[in-house]
Amino acid sequence: MGCNCKQKYKNNNLDNPMYVNSLLDLYRQSQEIENGFEEMWNEIYAAFILVYPHTSVHTKDFIKQEIEKIIKSR
C-alpha cells in the first residue's frame, strides 16, 4: 500500500476557523515586532501544524509562504 501524498496534503484544517484564526493572529503579532517571526517561531510552528497536520515540509520559509497564501485567499 503506497503513500498518496497529494491526498494526505489535502487533508488539512483550513475549514477550522479556530485553528486558522489562531495561526493568522500569531503571524500578524509577529509582524508587529522586530524579528517577530523568529521570536515567535515555536508558537507559529505549533499553530501551523494544527492547520496542516500532514505536511512534510517544515522550513520557516515554506511555512511563511503558506501563511501568506492563506491571508491572500481571504
N, C-alpha and C. Protein backbone atom coordinates (compact mmCIF):
# COMPACT_ATOMS: atom_id res chain seq x y z
N MET A 1 0.84 -1.18 0.00
CA MET A 1 0.00 0.00 0.00
C MET A 1 0.88 1.24 0.00
N GLY A 2 0.77 2.04 -1.04
CA GLY A 2 1.64 3.21 -1.18
C GLY A 2 1.09 4.45 -0.49
N CYS A 3 1.94 5.43 -0.41
CA CYS A 3 1.55 6.71 0.20
C CYS A 3 1.02 7.63 -0.88
N ASN A 4 -0.17 8.09 -0.72
CA ASN A 4 -0.73 9.07 -1.64
C ASN A 4 -0.54 10.44 -1.00
N CYS A 5 0.63 11.03 -1.21
CA CYS A 5 0.99 12.26 -0.51
C CYS A 5 0.09 13.44 -0.87
N LYS A 6 -0.34 13.51 -2.12
CA LYS A 6 -1.24 14.60 -2.50
C LYS A 6 -2.54 14.52 -1.71
N GLN A 7 -3.05 13.33 -1.55
CA GLN A 7 -4.29 13.16 -0.78
C GLN A 7 -4.06 13.55 0.68
N LYS A 8 -2.94 13.15 1.23
CA LYS A 8 -2.63 13.49 2.62
C LYS A 8 -2.55 15.01 2.79
N TYR A 9 -1.86 15.66 1.84
CA TYR A 9 -1.67 17.10 1.97
C TYR A 9 -3.01 17.85 1.93
N LYS A 10 -3.96 17.34 1.16
CA LYS A 10 -5.27 17.99 1.10
C LYS A 10 -6.04 17.81 2.40
N ASN A 11 -5.62 16.88 3.21
CA ASN A 11 -6.28 16.65 4.49
C ASN A 11 -5.75 17.67 5.49
N ASN A 12 -6.34 18.87 5.44
CA ASN A 12 -5.89 19.94 6.33
C ASN A 12 -7.07 20.47 7.13
N ASN A 13 -6.80 21.43 7.96
CA ASN A 13 -7.84 22.01 8.81
C ASN A 13 -8.12 23.47 8.44
N LEU A 14 -8.02 23.80 7.15
CA LEU A 14 -8.30 25.17 6.72
C LEU A 14 -9.75 25.57 6.95
N ASP A 15 -10.61 24.60 7.11
CA ASP A 15 -12.02 24.91 7.36
C ASP A 15 -12.32 25.04 8.86
N ASN A 16 -11.30 24.96 9.69
CA ASN A 16 -11.48 25.12 11.13
C ASN A 16 -11.07 26.55 11.52
N PRO A 17 -12.04 27.45 11.71
CA PRO A 17 -11.70 28.85 11.96
C PRO A 17 -10.86 29.05 13.22
N MET A 18 -11.05 28.22 14.22
CA MET A 18 -10.27 28.38 15.45
C MET A 18 -8.78 28.19 15.17
N TYR A 19 -8.43 27.15 14.43
CA TYR A 19 -7.02 26.88 14.11
C TYR A 19 -6.46 27.95 13.18
N VAL A 20 -7.20 28.28 12.13
CA VAL A 20 -6.70 29.24 11.14
C VAL A 20 -6.57 30.62 11.76
N ASN A 21 -7.58 31.07 12.50
CA ASN A 21 -7.50 32.39 13.11
C ASN A 21 -6.37 32.49 14.12
N SER A 22 -6.13 31.42 14.86
CA SER A 22 -5.02 31.40 15.81
C SER A 22 -3.69 31.57 15.08
N LEU A 23 -3.52 30.84 13.99
CA LEU A 23 -2.30 30.94 13.19
C LEU A 23 -2.13 32.35 12.63
N LEU A 24 -3.20 32.89 12.05
CA LEU A 24 -3.11 34.23 11.46
C LEU A 24 -2.88 35.30 12.51
N ASP A 25 -3.49 35.17 13.67
CA ASP A 25 -3.27 36.13 14.76
C ASP A 25 -1.81 36.12 15.21
N LEU A 26 -1.26 34.94 15.38
CA LEU A 26 0.16 34.84 15.77
C LEU A 26 1.06 35.45 14.71
N TYR A 27 0.75 35.16 13.46
CA TYR A 27 1.57 35.70 12.37
C TYR A 27 1.49 37.23 12.34
N ARG A 28 0.30 37.77 12.49
CA ARG A 28 0.15 39.24 12.50
C ARG A 28 0.90 39.86 13.67
N GLN A 29 0.81 39.23 14.83
CA GLN A 29 1.55 39.73 16.00
C GLN A 29 3.05 39.72 15.73
N SER A 30 3.52 38.68 15.07
CA SER A 30 4.95 38.57 14.79
C SER A 30 5.42 39.65 13.82
N GLN A 31 4.52 40.14 12.99
CA GLN A 31 4.87 41.18 12.02
C GLN A 31 4.99 42.56 12.68
N GLU A 32 4.46 42.69 13.88
CA GLU A 32 4.45 43.99 14.56
C GLU A 32 5.71 44.24 15.38
N ILE A 33 6.54 43.23 15.54
CA ILE A 33 7.76 43.41 16.32
C ILE A 33 8.98 43.01 15.50
N GLU A 34 10.09 43.63 15.81
CA GLU A 34 11.33 43.35 15.10
C GLU A 34 11.74 41.89 15.35
N ASN A 35 12.09 41.18 14.29
CA ASN A 35 12.44 39.76 14.37
C ASN A 35 11.31 38.92 14.98
N GLY A 36 10.10 39.36 14.81
CA GLY A 36 8.96 38.69 15.42
C GLY A 36 8.75 37.27 14.96
N PHE A 37 8.97 37.02 13.67
CA PHE A 37 8.77 35.66 13.17
C PHE A 37 9.74 34.71 13.85
N GLU A 38 10.97 35.14 14.01
CA GLU A 38 11.98 34.32 14.71
C GLU A 38 11.63 34.19 16.19
N GLU A 39 11.24 35.30 16.80
CA GLU A 39 10.94 35.31 18.23
C GLU A 39 9.73 34.42 18.56
N MET A 40 8.76 34.39 17.65
CA MET A 40 7.52 33.66 17.90
C MET A 40 7.45 32.34 17.13
N TRP A 41 8.59 31.88 16.65
CA TRP A 41 8.63 30.69 15.79
C TRP A 41 7.94 29.49 16.42
N ASN A 42 8.21 29.19 17.67
CA ASN A 42 7.63 28.00 18.30
C ASN A 42 6.11 28.04 18.31
N GLU A 43 5.55 29.20 18.62
CA GLU A 43 4.09 29.34 18.65
C GLU A 43 3.50 29.24 17.24
N ILE A 44 4.16 29.91 16.30
CA ILE A 44 3.68 29.88 14.91
C ILE A 44 3.75 28.46 14.35
N TYR A 45 4.85 27.79 14.62
CA TYR A 45 5.01 26.41 14.13
C TYR A 45 3.93 25.50 14.71
N ALA A 46 3.67 25.61 15.99
CA ALA A 46 2.65 24.77 16.63
C ALA A 46 1.28 25.04 16.02
N ALA A 47 0.95 26.30 15.78
CA ALA A 47 -0.34 26.64 15.17
C ALA A 47 -0.41 26.14 13.72
N PHE A 48 0.70 26.21 13.01
CA PHE A 48 0.73 25.75 11.62
C PHE A 48 0.47 24.25 11.54
N ILE A 49 1.05 23.49 12.45
CA ILE A 49 0.87 22.03 12.45
C ILE A 49 -0.59 21.67 12.73
N LEU A 50 -1.29 22.49 13.49
CA LEU A 50 -2.72 22.23 13.70
C LEU A 50 -3.51 22.42 12.41
N VAL A 51 -3.11 23.39 11.60
CA VAL A 51 -3.81 23.66 10.34
C VAL A 51 -3.41 22.64 9.27
N TYR A 52 -2.12 22.32 9.21
CA TYR A 52 -1.59 21.38 8.21
C TYR A 52 -0.91 20.20 8.91
N PRO A 53 -1.67 19.31 9.52
CA PRO A 53 -1.05 18.22 10.28
C PRO A 53 -0.28 17.21 9.44
N HIS A 54 -0.54 17.15 8.14
CA HIS A 54 0.09 16.12 7.31
C HIS A 54 1.18 16.66 6.40
N THR A 55 1.55 17.91 6.54
CA THR A 55 2.60 18.44 5.68
C THR A 55 3.95 17.85 6.10
N SER A 56 4.80 17.63 5.12
CA SER A 56 6.11 17.07 5.42
C SER A 56 7.20 18.13 5.31
N VAL A 57 6.84 19.34 4.92
CA VAL A 57 7.81 20.43 4.80
C VAL A 57 7.61 21.37 5.99
N HIS A 58 8.68 21.54 6.76
CA HIS A 58 8.56 22.33 7.97
C HIS A 58 9.57 23.47 8.03
N THR A 59 10.05 23.94 6.88
CA THR A 59 11.02 25.04 6.91
C THR A 59 10.30 26.36 7.19
N LYS A 60 11.02 27.28 7.75
CA LYS A 60 10.43 28.58 8.07
C LYS A 60 9.93 29.30 6.82
N ASP A 61 10.71 29.24 5.75
CA ASP A 61 10.30 29.92 4.52
C ASP A 61 9.02 29.33 3.95
N PHE A 62 8.93 28.01 3.94
CA PHE A 62 7.73 27.35 3.43
C PHE A 62 6.51 27.73 4.27
N ILE A 63 6.66 27.68 5.56
CA ILE A 63 5.54 27.98 6.46
C ILE A 63 5.11 29.43 6.30
N LYS A 64 6.06 30.33 6.19
CA LYS A 64 5.73 31.74 5.98
C LYS A 64 4.96 31.93 4.67
N GLN A 65 5.39 31.25 3.61
CA GLN A 65 4.70 31.34 2.32
C GLN A 65 3.28 30.80 2.41
N GLU A 66 3.11 29.69 3.10
CA GLU A 66 1.77 29.11 3.25
C GLU A 66 0.85 30.03 4.04
N ILE A 67 1.36 30.65 5.08
CA ILE A 67 0.55 31.59 5.86
C ILE A 67 0.15 32.77 4.99
N GLU A 68 1.09 33.28 4.20
CA GLU A 68 0.78 34.41 3.33
C GLU A 68 -0.25 34.02 2.26
N LYS A 69 -0.22 32.77 1.80
CA LYS A 69 -1.24 32.29 0.85
C LYS A 69 -2.62 32.30 1.51
N ILE A 70 -2.69 31.89 2.75
CA ILE A 70 -3.98 31.89 3.47
C ILE A 70 -4.50 33.31 3.58
N ILE A 71 -3.62 34.24 3.94
CA ILE A 71 -4.02 35.64 4.09
C ILE A 71 -4.53 36.19 2.77
N LYS A 72 -3.84 35.92 1.67
CA LYS A 72 -4.24 36.41 0.36
C LYS A 72 -5.56 35.81 -0.10
N SER A 73 -5.85 34.61 0.33
CA SER A 73 -7.08 33.94 -0.12
C SER A 73 -8.32 34.41 0.64
N ARG A 74 -8.13 35.23 1.64
CA ARG A 74 -9.28 35.69 2.45
C ARG A 74 -9.80 37.00 1.97
